[in-house]
Amino acid sequence: RALFGSILSVAVCGILSGILSRDFTGFILFNILNFFFGVGV
């Protein structure tokens, strides 16, 4: 379950990172997503 959860966190963070707005708000959200991406690895 931990293995699957790690892969799932990468999937969610990756897709959401790719559709963020190209502004400072998007950059802040990108950092938040990358934090959870890092937690999942």
Full PDB file with SEQRES, HELIX, SHEET, SSBOND, CRYST1, ORIGX, SCALE, CONECT and MASTER records, all heavy atoms in Angstrom:
SEQRES   1 A   41  ARG ALA LEU PHE GLY SER ILE LEU SER VAL ALA VAL CYS          
SEQRES   2 A   41  GLY ILE LEU SER GLY ILE LEU SER ARG ASP PHE THR GLY          
SEQRES   3 A   41  PHE ILE LEU PHE ASN ILE LEU ASN PHE PHE PHE GLY VAL          
SEQRES   4 A   41  GLY VAL                                                      
HELIX    1 AA1 ALA A    2  GLY A   18  1                                  17    
HELIX    2 AA2 PHE A   24  GLY A   40  1                                  17    
CRYST1    1.000    1.000    1.000  90.00  90.00  90.00 P 1           1          
ORIGX1      1.000000  0.000000  0.000000        0.00000                         
ORIGX2      0.000000  1.000000  0.000000        0.00000                         
ORIGX3      0.000000  0.000000  1.000000        0.00000                         
SCALE1      1.000000  0.000000  0.000000        0.00000                         
SCALE2      0.000000  1.000000  0.000000        0.00000                         
SCALE3      0.000000  0.000000  1.000000        0.00000                         
ATOM      1  N   ARG A   1       0.829  -1.207   0.000  1.00  0.00           N  
ATOM      2  CA  ARG A   1       0.000   0.000   0.000  1.00  0.00           C  
ATOM      3  C   ARG A   1       0.863   1.257   0.000  1.00  0.00           C  
ATOM      4  O   ARG A   1       0.527   2.254  -0.644  1.00  0.00           O  
ATOM      5  CB  ARG A   1      -0.914  -0.004   1.221  1.00  0.00           C  
ATOM      6  CG  ARG A   1      -1.953  -1.132   1.212  1.00  0.00           C  
ATOM      7  CD  ARG A   1      -2.810  -1.081   2.461  1.00  0.00           C  
ATOM      8  NE  ARG A   1      -3.812  -2.143   2.464  1.00  0.00           N  
ATOM      9  CZ  ARG A   1      -4.663  -2.380   3.461  1.00  0.00           C  
ATOM     10  NH1 ARG A   1      -4.611  -1.609   4.549  1.00  0.00           N  
ATOM     11  NH2 ARG A   1      -5.525  -3.371   3.375  1.00  0.00           N  
ATOM     12  N   ALA A   2       1.983   1.208   0.736  1.00  0.00           N  
ATOM     13  CA  ALA A   2       2.893   2.359   0.745  1.00  0.00           C  
ATOM     14  C   ALA A   2       3.503   2.562  -0.639  1.00  0.00           C  
ATOM     15  O   ALA A   2       3.629   3.702  -1.118  1.00  0.00           O  
ATOM     16  CB  ALA A   2       4.002   2.142   1.785  1.00  0.00           C  
ATOM     17  N   LEU A   3       3.863   1.460  -1.316  1.00  0.00           N  
ATOM     18  CA  LEU A   3       4.421   1.546  -2.667  1.00  0.00           C  
ATOM     19  C   LEU A   3       3.414   2.166  -3.629  1.00  0.00           C  
ATOM     20  O   LEU A   3       3.744   3.063  -4.412  1.00  0.00           O  
ATOM     21  CB  LEU A   3       4.822   0.157  -3.156  1.00  0.00           C  
ATOM     22  CG  LEU A   3       5.928  -0.561  -2.371  1.00  0.00           C  
ATOM     23  CD1 LEU A   3       6.046  -2.011  -2.827  1.00  0.00           C  
ATOM     24  CD2 LEU A   3       7.259   0.143  -2.540  1.00  0.00           C  
ATOM     25  N   PHE A   4       2.169   1.692  -3.562  1.00  0.00           N  
ATOM     26  CA  PHE A   4       1.132   2.210  -4.447  1.00  0.00           C  
ATOM     27  C   PHE A   4       0.837   3.677  -4.127  1.00  0.00           C  
ATOM     28  O   PHE A   4       0.656   4.502  -5.023  1.00  0.00           O  
ATOM     29  CB  PHE A   4      -0.144   1.378  -4.321  1.00  0.00           C  
ATOM     30  CG  PHE A   4      -1.270   1.874  -5.179  1.00  0.00           C  
ATOM     31  CD1 PHE A   4      -1.257   1.653  -6.550  1.00  0.00           C  
ATOM     32  CD2 PHE A   4      -2.330   2.581  -4.628  1.00  0.00           C  
ATOM     33  CE1 PHE A   4      -2.291   2.129  -7.352  1.00  0.00           C  
ATOM     34  CE2 PHE A   4      -3.363   3.050  -5.409  1.00  0.00           C  
ATOM     35  CZ  PHE A   4      -3.344   2.821  -6.782  1.00  0.00           C  
ATOM     36  N   GLY A   5       0.798   4.010  -2.838  1.00  0.00           N  
ATOM     37  CA  GLY A   5       0.547   5.396  -2.432  1.00  0.00           C  
ATOM     38  C   GLY A   5       1.621   6.339  -2.936  1.00  0.00           C  
ATOM     39  O   GLY A   5       1.341   7.472  -3.337  1.00  0.00           O  
ATOM     40  N   SER A   6       2.874   5.884  -2.953  1.00  0.00           N  
ATOM     41  CA  SER A   6       3.966   6.700  -3.460  1.00  0.00           C  
ATOM     42  C   SER A   6       3.782   6.989  -4.947  1.00  0.00           C  
ATOM     43  O   SER A   6       3.910   8.136  -5.387  1.00  0.00           O  
ATOM     44  CB  SER A   6       5.303   5.980  -3.232  1.00  0.00           C  
ATOM     45  OG  SER A   6       6.370   6.711  -3.790  1.00  0.00           O  
ATOM     46  N   ILE A   7       3.465   5.964  -5.723  1.00  0.00           N  
ATOM     47  CA  ILE A   7       3.244   6.137  -7.159  1.00  0.00           C  
ATOM     48  C   ILE A   7       2.050   7.057  -7.406  1.00  0.00           C  
ATOM     49  O   ILE A   7       2.077   7.935  -8.283  1.00  0.00           O  
ATOM     50  CB  ILE A   7       3.008   4.772  -7.840  1.00  0.00           C  
ATOM     51  CG1 ILE A   7       4.260   3.900  -7.734  1.00  0.00           C  
ATOM     52  CG2 ILE A   7       2.608   4.953  -9.296  1.00  0.00           C  
ATOM     53  CD1 ILE A   7       5.450   4.405  -8.495  1.00  0.00           C  
ATOM     54  N   LEU A   8       0.989   6.884  -6.621  1.00  0.00           N  
ATOM     55  CA  LEU A   8      -0.212   7.704  -6.787  1.00  0.00           C  
ATOM     56  C   LEU A   8       0.074   9.172  -6.486  1.00  0.00           C  
ATOM     57  O   LEU A   8      -0.427  10.077  -7.177  1.00  0.00           O  
ATOM     58  CB  LEU A   8      -1.328   7.189  -5.876  1.00  0.00           C  
ATOM     59  CG  LEU A   8      -2.707   7.844  -6.045  1.00  0.00           C  
ATOM     60  CD1 LEU A   8      -3.228   7.622  -7.460  1.00  0.00           C  
ATOM     61  CD2 LEU A   8      -3.696   7.288  -5.017  1.00  0.00           C  
ATOM     62  N   SER A   9       0.917   9.439  -5.484  1.00  0.00           N  
ATOM     63  CA  SER A   9       1.244  10.825  -5.145  1.00  0.00           C  
ATOM     64  C   SER A   9       2.014  11.486  -6.292  1.00  0.00           C  
ATOM     65  O   SER A   9       1.807  12.666  -6.594  1.00  0.00           O  
ATOM     66  CB  SER A   9       2.070  10.882  -3.855  1.00  0.00           C  
ATOM     67  OG  SER A   9       3.380  10.384  -4.049  1.00  0.00           O  
ATOM     68  N   VAL A  10       2.891  10.721  -6.948  1.00  0.00           N  
ATOM     69  CA  VAL A  10       3.620  11.251  -8.104  1.00  0.00           C  
ATOM     70  C   VAL A  10       2.653  11.557  -9.239  1.00  0.00           C  
ATOM     71  O   VAL A  10       2.769  12.594  -9.914  1.00  0.00           O  
ATOM     72  CB  VAL A  10       4.691  10.243  -8.567  1.00  0.00           C  
ATOM     73  CG1 VAL A  10       5.331  10.697  -9.877  1.00  0.00           C  
ATOM     74  CG2 VAL A  10       5.756  10.077  -7.494  1.00  0.00           C  
ATOM     75  N   ALA A  11       1.673  10.672  -9.452  1.00  0.00           N  
ATOM     76  CA  ALA A  11       0.697  10.873 -10.527  1.00  0.00           C  
ATOM     77  C   ALA A  11      -0.099  12.156 -10.309  1.00  0.00           C  
ATOM     78  O   ALA A  11      -0.225  12.989 -11.220  1.00  0.00           O  
ATOM     79  CB  ALA A  11      -0.243   9.667 -10.597  1.00  0.00           C  
ATOM     80  N   VAL A  12      -0.613  12.321  -9.111  1.00  0.00           N  
ATOM     81  CA  VAL A  12      -1.445  13.495  -8.811  1.00  0.00           C  
ATOM     82  C   VAL A  12      -0.615  14.777  -8.894  1.00  0.00           C  
ATOM     83  O   VAL A  12      -1.017  15.761  -9.538  1.00  0.00           O  
ATOM     84  CB  VAL A  12      -2.097  13.354  -7.418  1.00  0.00           C  
ATOM     85  CG1 VAL A  12      -2.811  14.642  -7.034  1.00  0.00           C  
ATOM     86  CG2 VAL A  12      -3.075  12.182  -7.405  1.00  0.00           C  
ATOM     87  N   CYS A  13       0.561  14.765  -8.250  1.00  0.00           N  
ATOM     88  CA  CYS A  13       1.402  15.973  -8.232  1.00  0.00           C  
ATOM     89  C   CYS A  13       1.905  16.315  -9.633  1.00  0.00           C  
ATOM     90  O   CYS A  13       1.995  17.492  -9.996  1.00  0.00           O  
ATOM     91  CB  CYS A  13       2.580  15.778  -7.285  1.00  0.00           C  
ATOM     92  SG  CYS A  13       2.106  15.668  -5.538  1.00  0.00           S  
ATOM     93  N   GLY A  14       2.214  15.302 -10.440  1.00  0.00           N  
ATOM     94  CA  GLY A  14       2.702  15.546 -11.790  1.00  0.00           C  
ATOM     95  C   GLY A  14       1.652  16.179 -12.681  1.00  0.00           C  
ATOM     96  O   GLY A  14       1.911  17.191 -13.347  1.00  0.00           O  
ATOM     97  N   ILE A  15       0.460  15.608 -12.693  1.00  0.00           N  
ATOM     98  CA  ILE A  15      -0.620  16.121 -13.553  1.00  0.00           C  
ATOM     99  C   ILE A  15      -1.005  17.536 -13.139  1.00  0.00           C  
ATOM    100  O   ILE A  15      -1.142  18.436 -13.985  1.00  0.00           O  
ATOM    101  CB  ILE A  15      -1.838  15.182 -13.518  1.00  0.00           C  
ATOM    102  CG1 ILE A  15      -1.486  13.841 -14.179  1.00  0.00           C  
ATOM    103  CG2 ILE A  15      -3.040  15.815 -14.225  1.00  0.00           C  
ATOM    104  CD1 ILE A  15      -2.554  12.785 -14.028  1.00  0.00           C  
ATOM    105  N   LEU A  16      -1.171  17.756 -11.836  1.00  0.00           N  
ATOM    106  CA  LEU A  16      -1.561  19.087 -11.358  1.00  0.00           C  
ATOM    107  C   LEU A  16      -0.463  20.123 -11.636  1.00  0.00           C  
ATOM    108  O   LEU A  16      -0.754  21.277 -11.980  1.00  0.00           O  
ATOM    109  CB  LEU A  16      -1.883  19.039  -9.862  1.00  0.00           C  
ATOM    110  CG  LEU A  16      -3.141  18.257  -9.471  1.00  0.00           C  
ATOM    111  CD1 LEU A  16      -3.331  18.269  -7.961  1.00  0.00           C  
ATOM    112  CD2 LEU A  16      -4.381  18.831 -10.163  1.00  0.00           C  
ATOM    113  N   SER A  17       0.809  19.712 -11.513  1.00  0.00           N  
ATOM    114  CA  SER A  17       1.914  20.644 -11.788  1.00  0.00           C  
ATOM    115  C   SER A  17       1.903  21.091 -13.244  1.00  0.00           C  
ATOM    116  O   SER A  17       2.232  22.240 -13.558  1.00  0.00           O  
ATOM    117  CB  SER A  17       3.262  19.986 -11.463  1.00  0.00           C  
ATOM    118  OG  SER A  17       3.394  19.741 -10.077  1.00  0.00           O  
ATOM    119  N   GLY A  18       1.508  20.200 -14.141  1.00  0.00           N  
ATOM    120  CA  GLY A  18       1.528  20.512 -15.559  1.00  0.00           C  
ATOM    121  C   GLY A  18       0.422  21.426 -16.031  1.00  0.00           C  
ATOM    122  O   GLY A  18       0.509  21.973 -17.145  1.00  0.00           O  
ATOM    123  N   ILE A  19      -0.608  21.614 -15.202  1.00  0.00           N  
ATOM    124  CA  ILE A  19      -1.748  22.446 -15.630  1.00  0.00           C  
ATOM    125  C   ILE A  19      -1.885  23.713 -14.792  1.00  0.00           C  
ATOM    126  O   ILE A  19      -2.905  24.402 -14.874  1.00  0.00           O  
ATOM    127  CB  ILE A  19      -3.064  21.631 -15.589  1.00  0.00           C  
ATOM    128  CG1 ILE A  19      -3.371  21.154 -14.165  1.00  0.00           C  
ATOM    129  CG2 ILE A  19      -2.999  20.447 -16.548  1.00  0.00           C  
ATOM    130  CD1 ILE A  19      -4.731  20.461 -14.030  1.00  0.00           C  
ATOM    131  N   LEU A  20      -0.864  24.036 -14.008  1.00  0.00           N  
ATOM    132  CA  LEU A  20      -0.921  25.239 -13.174  1.00  0.00           C  
ATOM    133  C   LEU A  20      -0.857  26.505 -14.026  1.00  0.00           C  
ATOM    134  O   LEU A  20      -0.298  26.504 -15.124  1.00  0.00           O  
ATOM    135  CB  LEU A  20       0.243  25.243 -12.183  1.00  0.00           C  
ATOM    136  CG  LEU A  20       0.200  24.189 -11.066  1.00  0.00           C  
ATOM    137  CD1 LEU A  20       1.525  24.189 -10.307  1.00  0.00           C  
ATOM    138  CD2 LEU A  20      -0.965  24.437 -10.123  1.00  0.00           C  
ATOM    139  N   SER A  21      -1.410  27.565 -13.496  1.00  0.00           N  
ATOM    140  CA  SER A  21      -1.337  28.854 -14.186  1.00  0.00           C  
ATOM    141  C   SER A  21       0.096  29.369 -14.161  1.00  0.00           C  
ATOM    142  O   SER A  21       0.851  29.099 -13.228  1.00  0.00           O  
ATOM    143  CB  SER A  21      -2.267  29.866 -13.506  1.00  0.00           C  
ATOM    144  OG  SER A  21      -1.913  30.030 -12.136  1.00  0.00           O  
ATOM    145  N   ARG A  22       0.475  30.139 -15.197  1.00  0.00           N  
ATOM    146  CA  ARG A  22       1.849  30.595 -15.342  1.00  0.00           C  
ATOM    147  C   ARG A  22       2.071  31.932 -14.621  1.00  0.00           C  
ATOM    148  O   ARG A  22       2.475  32.931 -15.218  1.00  0.00           O  
ATOM    149  CB  ARG A  22       2.212  30.710 -16.812  1.00  0.00           C  
ATOM    150  CG  ARG A  22       1.973  29.442 -17.583  1.00  0.00           C  
ATOM    151  CD  ARG A  22       2.357  29.582 -19.041  1.00  0.00           C  
ATOM    152  NE  ARG A  22       3.800  29.774 -19.200  1.00  0.00           N  
ATOM    153  CZ  ARG A  22       4.426  29.743 -20.383  1.00  0.00           C  
ATOM    154  NH1 ARG A  22       3.730  29.544 -21.487  1.00  0.00           N  
ATOM    155  NH2 ARG A  22       5.728  29.927 -20.452  1.00  0.00           N  
ATOM    156  N   ASP A  23       1.774  31.950 -13.331  1.00  0.00           N  
ATOM    157  CA  ASP A  23       1.944  33.175 -12.545  1.00  0.00           C  
ATOM    158  C   ASP A  23       2.517  32.811 -11.181  1.00  0.00           C  
ATOM    159  O   ASP A  23       2.832  31.652 -10.913  1.00  0.00           O  
ATOM    160  CB  ASP A  23       0.611  33.925 -12.414  1.00  0.00           C  
ATOM    161  CG  ASP A  23      -0.515  33.037 -11.900  1.00  0.00           C  
ATOM    162  OD1 ASP A  23      -0.222  32.007 -11.247  1.00  0.00           O  
ATOM    163  OD2 ASP A  23      -1.692  33.357 -12.159  1.00  0.00           O  
ATOM    164  N   PHE A  24       2.638  33.815 -10.312  1.00  0.00           N  
ATOM    165  CA  PHE A  24       3.253  33.569  -9.006  1.00  0.00           C  
ATOM    166  C   PHE A  24       2.410  32.617  -8.165  1.00  0.00           C  
ATOM    167  O   PHE A  24       2.950  31.792  -7.420  1.00  0.00           O  
ATOM    168  CB  PHE A  24       3.461  34.893  -8.265  1.00  0.00           C  
ATOM    169  CG  PHE A  24       4.238  34.741  -6.988  1.00  0.00           C  
ATOM    170  CD1 PHE A  24       5.598  34.442  -7.014  1.00  0.00           C  
ATOM    171  CD2 PHE A  24       3.618  34.877  -5.756  1.00  0.00           C  
ATOM    172  CE1 PHE A  24       6.321  34.288  -5.839  1.00  0.00           C  
ATOM    173  CE2 PHE A  24       4.336  34.723  -4.568  1.00  0.00           C  
ATOM    174  CZ  PHE A  24       5.693  34.431  -4.620  1.00  0.00           C  
ATOM    175  N   THR A  25       1.081  32.706  -8.288  1.00  0.00           N  
ATOM    176  CA  THR A  25       0.208  31.775  -7.562  1.00  0.00           C  
ATOM    177  C   THR A  25       0.476  30.339  -8.010  1.00  0.00           C  
ATOM    178  O   THR A  25       0.545  29.418  -7.186  1.00  0.00           O  
ATOM    179  CB  THR A  25      -1.268  32.121  -7.799  1.00  0.00           C  
ATOM    180  OG1 THR A  25      -1.517  33.458  -7.350  1.00  0.00           O  
ATOM    181  CG2 THR A  25      -2.181  31.155  -7.061  1.00  0.00           C  
ATOM    182  N   GLY A  26       0.645  30.172  -9.337  1.00  0.00           N  
ATOM    183  CA  GLY A  26       0.974  28.850  -9.852  1.00  0.00           C  
ATOM    184  C   GLY A  26       2.287  28.342  -9.305  1.00  0.00           C  
ATOM    185  O   GLY A  26       2.438  27.155  -8.978  1.00  0.00           O  
ATOM    186  N   PHE A  27       3.270  29.248  -9.166  1.00  0.00           N  
ATOM    187  CA  PHE A  27       4.567  28.853  -8.628  1.00  0.00           C  
ATOM    188  C   PHE A  27       4.449  28.408  -7.167  1.00  0.00           C  
ATOM    189  O   PHE A  27       5.086  27.427  -6.759  1.00  0.00           O  
ATOM    190  CB  PHE A  27       5.552  30.016  -8.749  1.00  0.00           C  
ATOM    191  CG  PHE A  27       6.895  29.744  -8.123  1.00  0.00           C  
ATOM    192  CD1 PHE A  27       7.778  28.848  -8.709  1.00  0.00           C  
ATOM    193  CD2 PHE A  27       7.265  30.378  -6.939  1.00  0.00           C  
ATOM    194  CE1 PHE A  27       9.013  28.589  -8.127  1.00  0.00           C  
ATOM    195  CE2 PHE A  27       8.496  30.122  -6.358  1.00  0.00           C  
ATOM    196  CZ  PHE A  27       9.374  29.229  -6.953  1.00  0.00           C  
ATOM    197  N   ILE A  28       3.659  29.131  -6.384  1.00  0.00           N  
ATOM    198  CA  ILE A  28       3.445  28.739  -4.980  1.00  0.00           C  
ATOM    199  C   ILE A  28       2.806  27.353  -4.906  1.00  0.00           C  
ATOM    200  O   ILE A  28       3.232  26.491  -4.118  1.00  0.00           O  
ATOM    201  CB  ILE A  28       2.561  29.779  -4.250  1.00  0.00           C  
ATOM    202  CG1 ILE A  28       3.264  31.140  -4.184  1.00  0.00           C  
ATOM    203  CG2 ILE A  28       2.208  29.287  -2.848  1.00  0.00           C  
ATOM    204  CD1 ILE A  28       4.561  31.136  -3.416  1.00  0.00           C  
ATOM    205  N   LEU A  29       1.792  27.122  -5.737  1.00  0.00           N  
ATOM    206  CA  LEU A  29       1.136  25.809  -5.765  1.00  0.00           C  
ATOM    207  C   LEU A  29       2.109  24.720  -6.234  1.00  0.00           C  
ATOM    208  O   LEU A  29       2.061  23.579  -5.752  1.00  0.00           O  
ATOM    209  CB  LEU A  29      -0.089  25.853  -6.675  1.00  0.00           C  
ATOM    210  CG  LEU A  29      -1.248  26.730  -6.188  1.00  0.00           C  
ATOM    211  CD1 LEU A  29      -2.340  26.806  -7.253  1.00  0.00           C  
ATOM    212  CD2 LEU A  29      -1.818  26.177  -4.879  1.00  0.00           C  
ATOM    213  N   PHE A  30       2.989  25.082  -7.162  1.00  0.00           N  
ATOM    214  CA  PHE A  30       4.003  24.137  -7.647  1.00  0.00           C  
ATOM    215  C   PHE A  30       4.915  23.696  -6.504  1.00  0.00           C  
ATOM    216  O   PHE A  30       5.265  22.511  -6.383  1.00  0.00           O  
ATOM    217  CB  PHE A  30       4.814  24.803  -8.761  1.00  0.00           C  
ATOM    218  CG  PHE A  30       5.856  23.922  -9.390  1.00  0.00           C  
ATOM    219  CD1 PHE A  30       5.501  22.739 -10.025  1.00  0.00           C  
ATOM    220  CD2 PHE A  30       7.202  24.286  -9.370  1.00  0.00           C  
ATOM    221  CE1 PHE A  30       6.462  21.927 -10.625  1.00  0.00           C  
ATOM    222  CE2 PHE A  30       8.163  23.490  -9.963  1.00  0.00           C  
ATOM    223  CZ  PHE A  30       7.796  22.309 -10.593  1.00  0.00           C  
ATOM    224  N   ASN A  31       5.286  24.625  -5.643  1.00  0.00           N  
ATOM    225  CA  ASN A  31       6.108  24.283  -4.475  1.00  0.00           C  
ATOM    226  C   ASN A  31       5.359  23.375  -3.512  1.00  0.00           C  
ATOM    227  O   ASN A  31       5.933  22.420  -2.970  1.00  0.00           O  
ATOM    228  CB  ASN A  31       6.553  25.560  -3.757  1.00  0.00           C  
ATOM    229  CG  ASN A  31       7.807  26.160  -4.354  1.00  0.00           C  
ATOM    230  OD1 ASN A  31       8.911  25.702  -4.096  1.00  0.00           O  
ATOM    231  ND2 ASN A  31       7.637  27.176  -5.186  1.00  0.00           N  
ATOM    232  N   ILE A  32       4.086  23.658  -3.293  1.00  0.00           N  
ATOM    233  CA  ILE A  32       3.288  22.819  -2.388  1.00  0.00           C  
ATOM    234  C   ILE A  32       3.190  21.397  -2.931  1.00  0.00           C  
ATOM    235  O   ILE A  32       3.363  20.412  -2.197  1.00  0.00           O  
ATOM    236  CB  ILE A  32       1.883  23.425  -2.189  1.00  0.00           C  
ATOM    237  CG1 ILE A  32       1.991  24.763  -1.446  1.00  0.00           C  
ATOM    238  CG2 ILE A  32       0.978  22.464  -1.429  1.00  0.00           C  
ATOM    239  CD1 ILE A  32       0.693  25.540  -1.369  1.00  0.00           C  
ATOM    240  N   LEU A  33       2.915  21.294  -4.237  1.00  0.00           N  
ATOM    241  CA  LEU A  33       2.826  19.973  -4.861  1.00  0.00           C  
ATOM    242  C   LEU A  33       4.160  19.235  -4.779  1.00  0.00           C  
ATOM    243  O   LEU A  33       4.202  18.025  -4.525  1.00  0.00           O  
ATOM    244  CB  LEU A  33       2.389  20.114  -6.322  1.00  0.00           C  
ATOM    245  CG  LEU A  33       0.933  20.533  -6.551  1.00  0.00           C  
ATOM    246  CD1 LEU A  33       0.699  20.874  -8.021  1.00  0.00           C  
ATOM    247  CD2 LEU A  33      -0.016  19.418  -6.116  1.00  0.00           C  
ATOM    248  N   ASN A  34       5.268  19.965  -4.977  1.00  0.00           N  
ATOM    249  CA  ASN A  34       6.575  19.329  -4.915  1.00  0.00           C  
ATOM    250  C   ASN A  34       6.939  18.888  -3.508  1.00  0.00           C  
ATOM    251  O   ASN A  34       7.670  17.914  -3.336  1.00  0.00           O  
ATOM    252  CB  ASN A  34       7.642  20.282  -5.461  1.00  0.00           C  
ATOM    253  CG  ASN A  34       7.831  20.112  -6.949  1.00  0.00           C  
ATOM    254  OD1 ASN A  34       8.495  19.183  -7.396  1.00  0.00           O  
ATOM    255  ND2 ASN A  34       7.219  20.975  -7.723  1.00  0.00           N  
ATOM    256  N   PHE A  35       6.420  19.588  -2.515  1.00  0.00           N  
ATOM    257  CA  PHE A  35       6.640  19.143  -1.143  1.00  0.00           C  
ATOM    258  C   PHE A  35       6.004  17.770  -0.932  1.00  0.00           C  
ATOM    259  O   PHE A  35       6.645  16.841  -0.415  1.00  0.00           O  
ATOM    260  CB  PHE A  35       6.043  20.160  -0.165  1.00  0.00           C  
ATOM    261  CG  PHE A  35       6.059  19.689   1.267  1.00  0.00           C  
ATOM    262  CD1 PHE A  35       7.223  19.736   2.014  1.00  0.00           C  
ATOM    263  CD2 PHE A  35       4.908  19.186   1.858  1.00  0.00           C  
ATOM    264  CE1 PHE A  35       7.241  19.279   3.331  1.00  0.00           C  
ATOM    265  CE2 PHE A  35       4.914  18.733   3.172  1.00  0.00           C  
ATOM    266  CZ  PHE A  35       6.087  18.790   3.904  1.00  0.00           C  
ATOM    267  N   PHE A  36       4.748  17.615  -1.360  1.00  0.00           N  
ATOM    268  CA  PHE A  36       4.073  16.324  -1.183  1.00  0.00           C  
ATOM    269  C   PHE A  36       4.653  15.250  -2.106  1.00  0.00           C  
ATOM    270  O   PHE A  36       4.673  14.071  -1.760  1.00  0.00           O  
ATOM    271  CB  PHE A  36       2.572  16.484  -1.417  1.00  0.00           C  
ATOM    272  CG  PHE A  36       1.874  17.199  -0.301  1.00  0.00           C  
ATOM    273  CD1 PHE A  36       1.465  18.522  -0.439  1.00  0.00           C  
ATOM    274  CD2 PHE A  36       1.655  16.563   0.909  1.00  0.00           C  
ATOM    275  CE1 PHE A  36       0.836  19.191   0.602  1.00  0.00           C  
ATOM    276  CE2 PHE A  36       1.026  17.220   1.964  1.00  0.00           C  
ATOM    277  CZ  PHE A  36       0.613  18.539   1.806  1.00  0.00           C  
ATOM    278  N   PHE A  37       5.143  15.676  -3.264  1.00  0.00           N  
ATOM    279  CA  PHE A  37       5.851  14.760  -4.152  1.00  0.00           C  
ATOM    280  C   PHE A  37       7.076  14.207  -3.423  1.00  0.00           C  
ATOM    281  O   PHE A  37       7.332  12.989  -3.415  1.00  0.00           O  
ATOM    282  CB  PHE A  37       6.247  15.522  -5.421  1.00  0.00           C  
ATOM    283  CG  PHE A  37       6.951  14.706  -6.465  1.00  0.00           C  
ATOM    284  CD1 PHE A  37       7.043  13.322  -6.392  1.00  0.00           C  
ATOM    285  CD2 PHE A  37       7.548  15.342  -7.548  1.00  0.00           C  
ATOM    286  CE1 PHE A  37       7.702  12.580  -7.368  1.00  0.00           C  
ATOM    287  CE2 PHE A  37       8.214  14.613  -8.523  1.00  0.00           C  
ATOM    288  CZ  PHE A  37       8.293  13.235  -8.429  1.00  0.00           C  
ATOM    289  N   GLY A  38       7.850  15.104  -2.799  1.00  0.00           N  
ATOM    290  CA  GLY A  38       9.026  14.684  -2.053  1.00  0.00           C  
ATOM    291  C   GLY A  38       8.685  13.775  -0.895  1.00  0.00           C  
ATOM    292  O   GLY A  38       9.378  12.784  -0.637  1.00  0.00           O  
ATOM    293  N   VAL A  39       7.599  14.084  -0.181  1.00  0.00           N  
ATOM    294  CA  VAL A  39       7.167  13.239   0.943  1.00  0.00           C  
ATOM    295  C   VAL A  39       6.877  11.822   0.464  1.00  0.00           C  
ATOM    296  O   VAL A  39       7.186  10.834   1.141  1.00  0.00           O  
ATOM    297  CB  VAL A  39       5.919  13.842   1.624  1.00  0.00           C  
ATOM    298  CG1 VAL A  39       5.302  12.841   2.607  1.00  0.00           C  
ATOM    299  CG2 VAL A  39       6.283  15.135   2.354  1.00  0.00           C  
ATOM    300  N   GLY A  40       6.286  11.695  -0.727  1.00  0.00           N  
ATOM    301  CA  GLY A  40       5.869  10.385  -1.222  1.00  0.00           C  
ATOM    302  C   GLY A  40       6.996   9.499  -1.694  1.00  0.00           C  
ATOM    303  O   GLY A  40       6.895   8.266  -1.633  1.00  0.00           O  
ATOM    304  N   VAL A  41       8.100  10.077  -2.161  1.00  0.00           N  
ATOM    305  CA  VAL A  41       9.181   9.285  -2.759  1.00  0.00           C  
ATOM    306  C   VAL A  41       9.755   8.232  -1.808  1.00  0.00           C  
ATOM    307  O   VAL A  41       9.931   7.068  -2.202  1.00  0.00           O  
ATOM    308  CB  VAL A  41      10.298  10.214  -3.284  1.00  0.00           C  
ATOM    309  CG1 VAL A  41      11.554   9.419  -3.646  1.00  0.00           C  
ATOM    310  CG2 VAL A  41       9.808  10.996  -4.502  1.00  0.00           C  
TER     311      VAL A  41                                                      
MASTER        0    0    0    2    0    0    0    6  310    1    0    4          
END                                                                             
